[in-house]
PDB file of N, CA and C in Angstrom:
ATOM      1  N   MET A   1       2.371   0.776  22.251  1.00  0.00           N
ATOM      2  CA  MET A   1       2.660   2.408  22.795  1.00  0.00           C
ATOM      3  C   MET A   1       1.874   3.315  21.548  1.00  0.00           C
ATOM      4  N   ARG A   2       1.399   4.331  21.859  1.00  0.00           N
ATOM      5  CA  ARG A   2       1.057   4.966  21.072  1.00  0.00           C
ATOM      6  C   ARG A   2       1.800   6.098  20.613  1.00  0.00           C
ATOM      7  N   THR A   3       1.791   6.573  19.727  1.00  0.00           N
ATOM      8  CA  THR A   3       2.605   7.617  18.888  1.00  0.00           C
ATOM      9  C   THR A   3       1.685   8.614  18.104  1.00  0.00           C
ATOM     10  N   ASP A   4       1.516   9.966  18.283  1.00  0.00           N
ATOM     11  CA  ASP A   4       0.587  10.550  17.636  1.00  0.00           C
ATOM     12  C   ASP A   4       1.876  11.514  16.666  1.00  0.00           C
ATOM     13  N   TRP A   5       1.272  11.456  15.611  1.00  0.00           N
ATOM     14  CA  TRP A   5       2.303  12.565  14.444  1.00  0.00           C
ATOM     15  C   TRP A   5       1.397  13.516  14.249  1.00  0.00           C
ATOM     16  N   ARG A   6       2.104  15.000  14.127  1.00  0.00           N
ATOM     17  CA  ARG A   6       1.050  16.146  14.031  1.00  0.00           C
ATOM     18  C   ARG A   6       1.916  16.695  13.011  1.00  0.00           C
ATOM     19  N   SER A   7       1.064  17.466  12.106  1.00  0.00           N
ATOM     20  CA  SER A   7       2.209  18.812  11.198  1.00  0.00           C
ATOM     21  C   SER A   7       2.728  19.435  11.818  1.00  0.00           C
ATOM     22  N   MET A   8       4.123  19.297  11.391  1.00  0.00           N
ATOM     23  CA  MET A   8       5.332  20.218  12.036  1.00  0.00           C
ATOM     24  C   MET A   8       6.582  20.367  10.825  1.00  0.00           C
ATOM     25  N   ALA A   9       7.050  21.326  11.248  1.00  0.00           N
ATOM     26  CA  ALA A   9       8.077  21.311  10.235  1.00  0.00           C
ATOM     27  C   ALA A   9       9.354  20.604  10.981  1.00  0.00           C
ATOM     28  N   ALA A  10       9.800  19.516  10.070  1.00  0.00           N
ATOM     29  CA  ALA A  10      10.931  18.946  10.902  1.00  0.00           C
ATOM     30  C   ALA A  10      11.496  18.309   9.750  1.00  0.00           C
ATOM     31  N   GLU A  11      12.967  18.454   9.896  1.00  0.00           N
ATOM     32  CA  GLU A  11      13.975  17.712   8.789  1.00  0.00           C
ATOM     33  C   GLU A  11      13.984  16.293   9.031  1.00  0.00           C
ATOM     34  N   PRO A  12      14.566  15.545   7.902  1.00  0.00           N
ATOM     35  CA  PRO A  12      14.735  14.182   7.902  1.00  0.00           C
ATOM     36  C   PRO A  12      15.503  13.595   9.166  1.00  0.00           C
ATOM     37  N   ALA A  13      16.495  14.290   9.723  1.00  0.00           N
ATOM     38  CA  ALA A  13      17.501  13.926  10.552  1.00  0.00           C
ATOM     39  C   ALA A  13      16.331  14.041  12.135  1.00  0.00           C
ATOM     40  N   GLU A  14      15.642  15.173  11.981  1.00  0.00           N
ATOM     41  CA  GLU A  14      14.909  15.173  13.565  1.00  0.00           C
ATOM     42  C   GLU A  14      13.712  14.371  13.352  1.00  0.00           C
ATOM     43  N   LEU A  15      13.180  13.491  12.036  1.00  0.00           N
ATOM     44  CA  LEU A  15      12.364  12.449  12.187  1.00  0.00           C
ATOM     45  C   LEU A  15      12.917  11.001  12.682  1.00  0.00           C
ATOM     46  N   ARG A  16      13.890  10.977  12.187  1.00  0.00           N
ATOM     47  CA  ARG A  16      14.711   9.823  12.082  1.00  0.00           C
ATOM     48  C   ARG A  16      15.046   9.652  13.907  1.00  0.00           C
ATOM     49  N   ALA A  17      15.409  10.574  14.512  1.00  0.00           N
ATOM     50  CA  ALA A  17      15.691  10.719  16.045  1.00  0.00           C
ATOM     51  C   ALA A  17      14.304  10.668  16.664  1.00  0.00           C
ATOM     52  N   ILE A  18      13.478  11.018  16.464  1.00  0.00           N
ATOM     53  CA  ILE A  18      11.945  10.617  16.765  1.00  0.00           C
ATOM     54  C   ILE A  18      11.787   9.107  16.746  1.00  0.00           C
ATOM     55  N   TYR A  19      11.877   8.457  15.491  1.00  0.00           N
ATOM     56  CA  TYR A  19      12.031   7.357  15.728  1.00  0.00           C
ATOM     57  C   TYR A  19      12.770   6.519  16.715  1.00  0.00           C
ATOM     58  N   GLU A  20      13.775   6.856  16.660  1.00  0.00           N
ATOM     59  CA  GLU A  20      14.774   6.198  17.552  1.00  0.00           C
ATOM     60  C   GLU A  20      14.620   6.136  18.888  1.00  0.00           C
ATOM     61  N   HIS A  21      14.132   7.291  19.471  1.00  0.00           N
ATOM     62  CA  HIS A  21      13.264   7.332  20.582  1.00  0.00           C
ATOM     63  C   HIS A  21      12.257   6.436  20.929  1.00  0.00           C
ATOM     64  N   VAL A  22      11.261   6.396  20.109  1.00  0.00           N
ATOM     65  CA  VAL A  22      10.484   5.528  19.835  1.00  0.00           C
ATOM     66  C   VAL A  22      11.073   4.217  20.621  1.00  0.00           C
ATOM     67  N   LEU A  23      12.136   3.833  19.317  1.00  0.00           N
ATOM     68  CA  LEU A  23      12.743   2.062  19.704  1.00  0.00           C
ATOM     69  C   LEU A  23      13.182   2.436  20.919  1.00  0.00           C
ATOM     70  N   GLN A  24      13.821   2.852  21.467  1.00  0.00           N
ATOM     71  CA  GLN A  24      14.681   3.064  23.007  1.00  0.00           C
ATOM     72  C   GLN A  24      13.160   2.810  23.908  1.00  0.00           C
ATOM     73  N   ALA A  25      12.003   3.444  23.752  1.00  0.00           N
ATOM     74  CA  ALA A  25      11.180   3.368  24.728  1.00  0.00           C
ATOM     75  C   ALA A  25      10.645   2.026  24.676  1.00  0.00           C
ATOM     76  N   MET A  26      10.381   1.091  23.080  1.00  0.00           N
ATOM     77  CA  MET A  26       9.919   0.104  23.124  1.00  0.00           C
ATOM     78  C   MET A  26      11.005  -0.806  23.850  1.00  0.00           C
ATOM     79  N   GLN A  27      12.187  -1.077  23.749  1.00  0.00           N
ATOM     80  CA  GLN A  27      13.183  -1.476  24.664  1.00  0.00           C
ATOM     81  C   GLN A  27      13.373  -1.362  26.278  1.00  0.00           C
ATOM     82  N   ARG A  28      13.199  -0.180  26.601  1.00  0.00           N
ATOM     83  CA  ARG A  28      12.998  -0.073  27.913  1.00  0.00           C
ATOM     84  C   ARG A  28      11.430  -0.913  28.549  1.00  0.00           C
ATOM     85  N   TYR A  29      10.759  -0.553  27.744  1.00  0.00           N
ATOM     86  CA  TYR A  29       9.539  -0.844  28.791  1.00  0.00           C
ATOM     87  C   TYR A  29       8.929  -2.369  27.663  1.00  0.00           C
ATOM     88  N   GLN A  30       9.508  -2.750  27.063  1.00  0.00           N
ATOM     89  CA  GLN A  30       9.331  -4.078  26.437  1.00  0.00           C
ATOM     90  C   GLN A  30       8.019  -4.302  25.667  1.00  0.00           C
ATOM     91  N   VAL A  31       7.504  -3.286  24.671  1.00  0.00           N
ATOM     92  CA  VAL A  31       6.356  -3.057  24.577  1.00  0.00           C
ATOM     93  C   VAL A  31       6.804  -3.707  22.710  1.00  0.00           C
ATOM     94  N   THR A  32       5.710  -4.536  22.429  1.00  0.00           N
ATOM     95  CA  THR A  32       6.265  -5.134  20.900  1.00  0.00           C
ATOM     96  C   THR A  32       4.768  -4.588  20.030  1.00  0.00           C
ATOM     97  N   ALA A  33       3.944  -3.770  20.269  1.00  0.00           N
ATOM     98  CA  ALA A  33       3.087  -3.034  19.295  1.00  0.00           C
ATOM     99  C   ALA A  33       3.154  -1.575  19.475  1.00  0.00           C
ATOM    100  N   LEU A  34       2.847  -0.980  18.156  1.00  0.00           N
ATOM    101  CA  LEU A  34       3.238   0.249  18.301  1.00  0.00           C
ATOM    102  C   LEU A  34       1.192   0.581  17.224  1.00  0.00           C
ATOM    103  N   LEU A  35       0.852   2.006  17.977  1.00  0.00           N
ATOM    104  CA  LEU A  35      -0.271   2.353  17.215  1.00  0.00           C
ATOM    105  C   LEU A  35       0.191   3.939  16.884  1.00  0.00           C
ATOM    106  N   PHE A  36       0.526   3.901  15.172  1.00  0.00           N
ATOM    107  CA  PHE A  36       0.669   5.160  15.015  1.00  0.00           C
ATOM    108  C   PHE A  36      -0.305   5.901  14.332  1.00  0.00           C
ATOM    109  N   VAL A  37      -0.721   7.382  15.107  1.00  0.00           N
ATOM    110  CA  VAL A  37      -1.544   8.148  14.637  1.00  0.00           C
ATOM    111  C   VAL A  37      -1.232   9.240  14.090  1.00  0.00           C
ATOM    112  N   HIS A  38      -1.495   8.999  12.553  1.00  0.00           N
ATOM    113  CA  HIS A  38      -1.006  10.189  11.630  1.00  0.00           C
ATOM    114  C   HIS A  38      -1.736  11.189  11.200  1.00  0.00           C
ATOM    115  N   GLN A  39      -1.330  12.185  11.923  1.00  0.00           N
ATOM    116  CA  GLN A  39      -2.737  13.460  12.077  1.00  0.00           C
ATOM    117  C   GLN A  39      -1.751  14.222  10.900  1.00  0.00           C
ATOM    118  N   GLN A  40      -1.040  14.425  10.893  1.00  0.00           N
ATOM    119  CA  GLN A  40      -0.240  15.705   9.612  1.00  0.00           C
ATOM    120  C   GLN A  40      -0.213  14.960   8.356  1.00  0.00           C
ATOM    121  N   PRO A  41      -0.625  16.362   7.502  1.00  0.00           N
ATOM    122  CA  PRO A  41      -1.126  16.332   6.213  1.00  0.00           C
ATOM    123  C   PRO A  41       0.167  15.967   5.119  1.00  0.00           C
ATOM    124  N   GLU A  42       1.077  16.290   5.471  1.00  0.00           N
ATOM    125  CA  GLU A  42       2.272  15.895   4.809  1.00  0.00           C
ATOM    126  C   GLU A  42       2.818  14.429   5.056  1.00  0.00           C
ATOM    127  N   ALA A  43       3.282  13.855   3.684  1.00  0.00           N
ATOM    128  CA  ALA A  43       3.844  12.558   3.865  1.00  0.00           C
ATOM    129  C   ALA A  43       5.279  12.504   4.461  1.00  0.00           C
ATOM    130  N   ILE A  44       5.416  11.285   4.573  1.00  0.00           N
ATOM    131  CA  ILE A  44       6.756  11.225   5.154  1.00  0.00           C
ATOM    132  C   ILE A  44       8.098  11.410   3.955  1.00  0.00           C
ATOM    133  N   PRO A  45       8.893  12.257   4.469  1.00  0.00           N
ATOM    134  CA  PRO A  45      10.391  12.370   3.202  1.00  0.00           C
ATOM    135  C   PRO A  45      10.492  11.227   3.001  1.00  0.00           C
ATOM    136  N   SER A  46      10.940  11.086   1.489  1.00  0.00           N
ATOM    137  CA  SER A  46      11.306   9.629   1.006  1.00  0.00           C
ATOM    138  C   SER A  46      12.898   9.073   1.390  1.00  0.00           C
ATOM    139  N   SER A  47      13.540   9.910   1.732  1.00  0.00           N
ATOM    140  CA  SER A  47      15.257   9.423   2.455  1.00  0.00           C
ATOM    141  C   SER A  47      14.065   8.839   3.854  1.00  0.00           C
ATOM    142  N   VAL A  48      13.409   9.307   4.750  1.00  0.00           N
ATOM    143  CA  VAL A  48      12.732   8.875   5.879  1.00  0.00           C
ATOM    144  C   VAL A  48      12.482   7.385   5.603  1.00  0.00           C
ATOM    145  N   ARG A  49      11.688   7.412   4.740  1.00  0.00           N
ATOM    146  CA  ARG A  49      10.783   6.168   4.171  1.00  0.00           C
ATOM    147  C   ARG A  49      11.712   5.543   4.064  1.00  0.00           C
ATOM    148  N   GLU A  50      12.602   5.504   3.103  1.00  0.00           N
ATOM    149  CA  GLU A  50      13.618   4.600   2.702  1.00  0.00           C
ATOM    150  C   GLU A  50      14.480   3.981   4.299  1.00  0.00           C
ATOM    151  N   TRP A  51      14.912   4.978   4.936  1.00  0.00           N
ATOM    152  CA  TRP A  51      15.540   4.574   6.335  1.00  0.00           C
ATOM    153  C   TRP A  51      14.550   3.525   7.275  1.00  0.00           C
ATOM    154  N   LEU A  52      13.487   4.030   7.136  1.00  0.00           N
ATOM    155  CA  LEU A  52      12.497   3.001   7.918  1.00  0.00           C
ATOM    156  C   LEU A  52      12.407   1.944   7.442  1.00  0.00           C
ATOM    157  N   VAL A  53      12.132   1.616   5.793  1.00  0.00           N
ATOM    158  CA  VAL A  53      12.134   0.051   5.549  1.00  0.00           C
ATOM    159  C   VAL A  53      13.728  -0.771   5.854  1.00  0.00           C
ATOM    160  N   ALA A  54      14.802   0.035   5.222  1.00  0.00           N
ATOM    161  CA  ALA A  54      16.151  -0.815   5.497  1.00  0.00           C
ATOM    162  C   ALA A  54      16.613  -0.738   6.700  1.00  0.00           C
ATOM    163  N   ASN A  55      16.133   0.160   7.631  1.00  0.00           N
ATOM    164  CA  ASN A  55      16.800   0.109   9.048  1.00  0.00           C
ATOM    165  C   ASN A  55      16.283   0.161  10.000  1.00  0.00           C
ATOM    166  N   TRP A  56      15.206   1.378  10.489  1.00  0.00           N
ATOM    167  CA  TRP A  56      14.409   1.428  11.659  1.00  0.00           C
ATOM    168  C   TRP A  56      13.842   0.127  11.718  1.00  0.00           C
ATOM    169  N   ILE A  57      12.979  -0.637  10.587  1.00  0.00           N
ATOM    170  CA  ILE A  57      11.866  -1.187  10.889  1.00  0.00           C
ATOM    171  C   ILE A  57      12.747  -2.671  11.216  1.00  0.00           C
ATOM    172  N   PRO A  58      13.855  -3.018  10.496  1.00  0.00           N
ATOM    173  CA  PRO A  58      14.136  -4.512  10.599  1.00  0.00           C
ATOM    174  C   PRO A  58      14.940  -4.655  12.164  1.00  0.00           C
ATOM    175  N   ARG A  59      15.621  -3.003  12.840  1.00  0.00           N
ATOM    176  CA  ARG A  59      16.003  -2.981  14.079  1.00  0.00           C
ATOM    177  C   ARG A  59      15.114  -3.379  15.015  1.00  0.00           C
ATOM    178  N   ALA A  60      13.999  -2.877  14.869  1.00  0.00           N
ATOM    179  CA  ALA A  60      13.028  -2.483  15.896  1.00  0.00           C
ATOM    180  C   ALA A  60      12.537  -4.030  16.031  1.00  0.00           C
ATOM    181  N   ILE A  61      12.475  -4.601  14.986  1.00  0.00           N
ATOM    182  CA  ILE A  61      11.766  -6.345  15.083  1.00  0.00           C
ATOM    183  C   ILE A  61      13.194  -6.715  15.923  1.00  0.00           C
ATOM    184  N   GLN A  62      14.205  -6.925  15.315  1.00  0.00           N
ATOM    185  CA  GLN A  62      15.485  -7.360  15.907  1.00  0.00           C
ATOM    186  C   GLN A  62      15.369  -7.212  17.576  1.00  0.00           C
ATOM    187  N   GLN A  63      15.924  -5.715  17.724  1.00  0.00           N
ATOM    188  CA  GLN A  63      16.401  -5.594  18.986  1.00  0.00           C
ATOM    189  C   GLN A  63      14.728  -5.288  19.709  1.00  0.00           C
ATOM    190  N   GLY A  64      13.901  -4.540  19.402  1.00  0.00           N
ATOM    191  CA  GLY A  64      12.796  -4.350  20.043  1.00  0.00           C
ATOM    192  C   GLY A  64      11.560  -5.207  19.913  1.00  0.00           C
ATOM    193  N   LYS A  65      11.811  -6.433  19.367  1.00  0.00           N
ATOM    194  CA  LYS A  65      10.728  -7.324  19.379  1.00  0.00           C
ATOM    195  C   LYS A  65       9.537  -7.032  18.768  1.00  0.00           C
ATOM    196  N   TYR A  66       9.497  -5.690  17.817  1.00  0.00           N
ATOM    197  CA  TYR A  66       8.296  -5.278  17.446  1.00  0.00           C
ATOM    198  C   TYR A  66       7.727  -6.234  16.810  1.00  0.00           C
ATOM    199  N   GLN A  67       6.371  -6.478  17.114  1.00  0.00           N
ATOM    200  CA  GLN A  67       5.461  -7.758  15.926  1.00  0.00           C
ATOM    201  C   GLN A  67       4.022  -6.947  15.663  1.00  0.00           C
ATOM    202  N   ARG A  68       3.393  -6.174  16.193  1.00  0.00           N
ATOM    203  CA  ARG A  68       2.696  -5.311  15.754  1.00  0.00           C
ATOM    204  C   ARG A  68       2.526  -3.855  15.350  1.00  0.00           C
ATOM    205  N   CYS A  69       1.958  -3.440  14.519  1.00  0.00           N
ATOM    206  CA  CYS A  69       1.616  -2.059  14.297  1.00  0.00           C
ATOM    207  C   CYS A  69       0.317  -1.858  13.649  1.00  0.00           C
ATOM    208  N   ALA A  70      -0.659  -0.755  14.210  1.00  0.00           N
ATOM    209  CA  ALA A  70      -1.877  -0.304  13.414  1.00  0.00           C
ATOM    210  C   ALA A  70      -1.249   1.161  13.114  1.00  0.00           C
ATOM    211  N   ILE A  71      -2.040   1.455  12.020  1.00  0.00           N
ATOM    212  CA  ILE A  71      -1.452   2.944  11.745  1.00  0.00           C
ATOM    213  C   ILE A  71      -2.810   3.461  11.373  1.00  0.00           C
ATOM    214  N   VAL A  72      -3.412   4.642  12.049  1.00  0.00           N
ATOM    215  CA  VAL A  72      -4.331   5.481  11.883  1.00  0.00           C
ATOM    216  C   VAL A  72      -4.057   6.407  10.653  1.00  0.00           C
ATOM    217  N   GLU A  73      -4.431   6.467   9.409  1.00  0.00           N
ATOM    218  CA  GLU A  73      -4.204   7.037   8.407  1.00  0.00           C
ATOM    219  C   GLU A  73      -4.394   8.323   8.157  1.00  0.00           C
ATOM    220  N   SER A  74      -3.918   9.518   7.671  1.00  0.00           N
ATOM    221  CA  SER A  74      -3.973  11.064   7.568  1.00  0.00           C
ATOM    222  C   SER A  74      -5.555  10.974   6.603  1.00  0.00           C
ATOM    223  N   SER A  75      -5.156  12.337   6.845  1.00  0.00           N
ATOM    224  CA  SER A  75      -6.625  12.558   5.760  1.00  0.00           C
ATOM    225  C   SER A  75      -5.752  12.854   4.423  1.00  0.00           C
ATOM    226  N   SER A  76      -4.698  12.810   4.231  1.00  0.00           N
ATOM    227  CA  SER A  76      -4.281  13.378   2.885  1.00  0.00           C
ATOM    228  C   SER A  76      -3.957  12.162   2.298  1.00  0.00           C
ATOM    229  N   ALA A  77      -4.552  12.078   0.873  1.00  0.00           N
ATOM    230  CA  ALA A  77      -4.431  11.083  -0.160  1.00  0.00           C
ATOM    231  C   ALA A  77      -3.107  10.624  -0.092  1.00  0.00           C
ATOM    232  N   GLU A  78      -2.464  11.755  -0.678  1.00  0.00           N
ATOM    233  CA  GLU A  78      -0.841  11.333  -0.710  1.00  0.00           C
ATOM    234  C   GLU A  78      -0.172  10.856   0.617  1.00  0.00           C
ATOM    235  N   ALA A  79      -0.340  11.218   1.526  1.00  0.00           N
ATOM    236  CA  ALA A  79       0.452  10.545   2.799  1.00  0.00           C
ATOM    237  C   ALA A  79      -0.237   9.279   2.968  1.00  0.00           C
ATOM    238  N   ILE A  80      -1.269   9.162   2.908  1.00  0.00           N
ATOM    239  CA  ILE A  80      -1.875   7.448   2.995  1.00  0.00           C
ATOM    240  C   ILE A  80      -1.336   6.794   1.915  1.00  0.00           C
ATOM    241  N   GLN A  81      -1.047   6.646   0.577  1.00  0.00           N
ATOM    242  CA  GLN A  81      -0.437   6.592  -0.411  1.00  0.00           C
ATOM    243  C   GLN A  81       1.219   6.223   0.050  1.00  0.00           C
ATOM    244  N   VAL A  82       1.799   6.915   0.316  1.00  0.00           N
ATOM    245  CA  VAL A  82       3.333   7.125   1.172  1.00  0.00           C
ATOM    246  C   VAL A  82       3.138   5.936   2.207  1.00  0.00           C
ATOM    247  N   THR A  83       2.331   6.110   2.882  1.00  0.00           N
ATOM    248  CA  THR A  83       2.326   5.270   4.442  1.00  0.00           C
ATOM    249  C   THR A  83       2.241   3.768   4.190  1.00  0.00           C
ATOM    250  N   GLN A  84       1.337   3.669   3.310  1.00  0.00           N
ATOM    251  CA  GLN A  84       0.998   2.009   2.750  1.00  0.00           C
ATOM    252  C   GLN A  84       2.084   1.898   1.783  1.00  0.00           C
ATOM    253  N   ALA A  85       2.749   2.502   1.118  1.00  0.00           N
ATOM    254  CA  ALA A  85       4.198   1.707   0.279  1.00  0.00           C
ATOM    255  C   ALA A  85       5.055   1.571   1.110  1.00  0.00           C
ATOM    256  N   ILE A  86       4.997   1.707   2.350  1.00  0.00           N
ATOM    257  CA  ILE A  86       5.994   1.358   3.564  1.00  0.00           C
ATOM    258  C   ILE A  86       5.531  -0.032   3.620  1.00  0.00           C
ATOM    259  N   GLY A  87       4.342  -0.133   4.327  1.00  0.00           N
ATOM    260  CA  GLY A  87       3.774  -1.408   4.954  1.00  0.00           C
ATOM    261  C   GLY A  87       3.934  -2.635   3.488  1.00  0.00           C
ATOM    262  N   ARG A  88       4.031  -1.992   2.074  1.00  0.00           N
ATOM    263  CA  ARG A  88       4.109  -3.314   1.503  1.00  0.00           C
ATOM    264  C   ARG A  88       5.500  -3.721   0.815  1.00  0.00           C
ATOM    265  N   GLN A  89       6.649  -2.928   1.504  1.00  0.00           N
ATOM    266  CA  GLN A  89       7.541  -2.962   1.538  1.00  0.00           C
ATOM    267  C   GLN A  89       8.515  -3.972   2.841  1.00  0.00           C
ATOM    268  N   ILE A  90       7.414  -3.986   3.673  1.00  0.00           N
ATOM    269  CA  ILE A  90       7.940  -4.955   4.952  1.00  0.00           C
ATOM    270  C   ILE A  90       7.877  -6.588   4.319  1.00  0.00           C
ATOM    271  N   ASP A  91       8.708  -7.287   5.079  1.00  0.00           N
ATOM    272  CA  ASP A  91       9.143  -8.278   4.447  1.00  0.00           C
ATOM    273  C   ASP A  91       8.117  -9.920   5.312  1.00  0.00           C
ATOM    274  N   GLY A  92       7.474  -9.091   5.932  1.00  0.00           N
ATOM    275  CA  GLY A  92       6.056 -10.171   6.386  1.00  0.00           C
ATOM    276  C   GLY A  92       6.200 -10.448   7.399  1.00  0.00           C
ATOM    277  N   THR A  93       7.306 -10.498   8.690  1.00  0.00           N
ATOM    278  CA  THR A  93       7.793 -10.416   9.821  1.00  0.00           C
ATOM    279  C   THR A  93       7.132  -9.607  10.655  1.00  0.00           C
ATOM    280  N   LEU A  94       6.429  -8.717  10.434  1.00  0.00           N
ATOM    281  CA  LEU A  94       5.389  -7.514  11.176  1.00  0.00           C
ATOM    282  C   LEU A  94       4.323  -7.372  10.661  1.00  0.00           C
ATOM    283  N   ALA A  95       3.201  -7.905  11.790  1.00  0.00           N
ATOM    284  CA  ALA A  95       1.796  -7.790  11.049  1.00  0.00           C
ATOM    285  C   ALA A  95       1.334  -6.513  11.361  1.00  0.00           C
ATOM    286  N   TYR A  96       0.838  -5.775  10.320  1.00  0.00           N
ATOM    287  CA  TYR A  96       0.228  -4.499  10.306  1.00  0.00           C
ATOM    288  C   TYR A  96      -0.735  -4.638   9.972  1.00  0.00           C
ATOM    289  N   ALA A  97      -1.548  -3.125  10.197  1.00  0.00           N
ATOM    290  CA  ALA A  97      -2.702  -3.108   9.371  1.00  0.00           C
ATOM    291  C   ALA A  97      -3.452  -1.523   9.380  1.00  0.00           C
ATOM    292  N   PHE A  98      -3.678  -1.015   8.187  1.00  0.00           N
ATOM    293  CA  PHE A  98      -4.264   0.598   8.308  1.00  0.00           C
ATOM    294  C   PHE A  98      -5.912   0.769   8.656  1.00  0.00           C
ATOM    295  N   PHE A  99      -6.187   1.784   9.391  1.00  0.00           N
ATOM    296  CA  PHE A  99      -7.221   2.017  10.018  1.00  0.00           C
ATOM    297  C   PHE A  99      -7.785   3.580   9.642  1.00  0.00           C
ATOM    298  N   ALA A 100      -8.980   3.956   9.656  1.00  0.00           N
ATOM    299  CA  ALA A 100      -9.444   5.106   9.830  1.00  0.00           C
ATOM    300  C   ALA A 100      -9.925   6.078  11.209  1.00  0.00           C
ATOM    301  N   ASP A 101      -9.887   4.854  12.118  1.00  0.00           N
ATOM    302  CA  ASP A 101     -10.021   5.718  13.327  1.00  0.00           C
ATOM    303  C   ASP A 101      -9.283   4.899  14.285  1.00  0.00           C
ATOM    304  N   VAL A 102      -9.034   5.433  15.502  1.00  0.00           N
ATOM    305  CA  VAL A 102      -8.137   5.158  16.843  1.00  0.00           C
ATOM    306  C   VAL A 102      -8.679   3.745  17.169  1.00  0.00           C
ATOM    307  N   GLU A 103      -9.969   3.976  17.703  1.00  0.00           N
ATOM    308  CA  GLU A 103     -10.748   2.980  17.983  1.00  0.00           C
ATOM    309  C   GLU A 103     -10.553   1.268  17.216  1.00  0.00           C
ATOM    310  N   ALA A 104     -10.768   1.201  16.213  1.00  0.00           N
ATOM    311  CA  ALA A 104     -10.612   0.153  15.264  1.00  0.00           C
ATOM    312  C   ALA A 104      -9.194  -0.114  15.501  1.00  0.00           C
ATOM    313  N   ALA A 105      -8.063   0.771  15.176  1.00  0.00           N
ATOM    314  CA  ALA A 105      -6.873   0.215  15.603  1.00  0.00           C
ATOM    315  C   ALA A 105      -6.663  -0.143  16.862  1.00  0.00           C
ATOM    316  N   THR A 106      -7.109   0.182  17.658  1.00  0.00           N
ATOM    317  CA  THR A 106      -6.597  -0.191  19.274  1.00  0.00           C
ATOM    318  C   THR A 106      -7.396  -1.726  19.300  1.00  0.00           C
ATOM    319  N   THR A 107      -8.689  -1.695  18.756  1.00  0.00           N
ATOM    320  CA  THR A 107      -9.355  -3.240  18.908  1.00  0.00           C
ATOM    321  C   THR A 107      -8.462  -4.145  18.144  1.00  0.00           C
ATOM    322  N   TRP A 108      -8.167  -4.041  17.150  1.00  0.00           N
ATOM    323  CA  TRP A 108      -7.040  -4.610  16.355  1.00  0.00           C
ATOM    324  C   TRP A 108      -5.963  -5.204  17.181  1.00  0.00           C
ATOM    325  N   LEU A 109      -5.317  -3.923  17.486  1.00  0.00           N
ATOM    326  CA  LEU A 109      -4.044  -4.363  18.413  1.00  0.00           C
ATOM    327  C   LEU A 109      -4.262  -5.510  19.475  1.00  0.00           C
ATOM    328  N   LEU A 110      -5.235  -5.229  20.202  1.00  0.00           N
ATOM    329  CA  LEU A 110      -5.524  -5.801  21.366  1.00  0.00           C
ATOM    330  C   LEU A 110      -5.599  -7.540  20.896  1.00  0.00           C
ATOM    331  N   HIS A 111      -7.029  -7.514  20.062  1.00  0.00           N
ATOM    332  CA  HIS A 111      -6.955  -8.714  19.557  1.00  0.00           C
ATOM    333  C   HIS A 111      -6.265  -9.588  18.887  1.00  0.00           C
ATOM    334  N   SER A 112      -5.332  -8.782  18.186  1.00  0.00           N
ATOM    335  CA  SER A 112      -4.336  -9.259  17.577  1.00  0.00           C
ATOM    336  C   SER A 112      -3.103  -9.893  18.801  1.00  0.00           C
ATOM    337  N   ALA A 113      -3.143  -9.300  19.616  1.00  0.00           N
ATOM    338  CA  ALA A 113      -2.141  -9.694  21.151  1.00  0.00           C
ATOM    339  C   ALA A 113      -3.113 -10.779  21.450  1.00  0.00           C
ATOM    340  N   LYS A 114      -3.931 -11.175  21.807  1.00  0.00           N
ATOM    341  CA  LYS A 114      -4.459 -12.321  22.637  1.00  0.00           C
ATOM    342  C   LYS A 114      -4.603 -13.286  21.668  1.00  0.00           C
ATOM    343  N   ALA A 115      -4.523 -13.249  20.017  1.00  0.00           N
ATOM    344  CA  ALA A 115      -4.637 -14.260  19.190  1.00  0.00           C
ATOM    345  C   ALA A 115      -3.155 -14.831  19.313  1.00  0.00           C
ATOM    346  N   ALA A 116      -1.916 -13.711  19.432  1.00  0.00           N
ATOM    347  CA  ALA A 116      -0.942 -14.147  19.605  1.00  0.00           C
ATOM    348  C   ALA A 116      -0.295 -14.972  20.912  1.00  0.00           C
ATOM    349  N   LEU A 117      -1.048 -14.644  21.810  1.00  0.00           N
ATOM    350  CA  LEU A 117      -0.597 -15.171  23.686  1.00  0.00           C
ATOM    351  C   LEU A 117      -1.367 -16.801  23.071  1.00  0.00           C
ATOM    352  N   VAL A 118      -2.712 -16.720  22.215  1.00  0.00           N
ATOM    353  CA  VAL A 118      -3.226 -18.271  22.210  1.00  0.00           C
ATOM    354  C   VAL A 118      -2.182 -19.237  21.388  1.00  0.00           C
ATOM    355  N   ALA A 119      -1.742 -18.455  20.580  1.00  0.00           N
ATOM    356  CA  ALA A 119      -0.974 -19.504  19.288  1.00  0.00           C
ATOM    357  C   ALA A 119       0.220 -20.018  19.975  1.00  0.00           C
TER     358      ALA A 119
END
């Protein structure tokens, strides 16, 4: 499933609601991999980052069977640092990678899916 993030004025509660919608779609359509395209220049607010690591990601892994995540990074150095910091806090049950473009991210997701089927 692909999610494109664009620059927008959103409160933390609104961002959490978007992630909840993504989780519901993952469950409904049995999606285990996400492609996040971060085109927004601003970084994810700290309260949302903490919530993602402590709440949403663990629930997505458990309830949604979330396995793989490809992130196409923003052009903002601050946003890149914030996004990569989230990745460093994940406990290892989620395969993830960062990319500069959508094509490379998609290729990685498809290749990692095939590798998982063989294993």
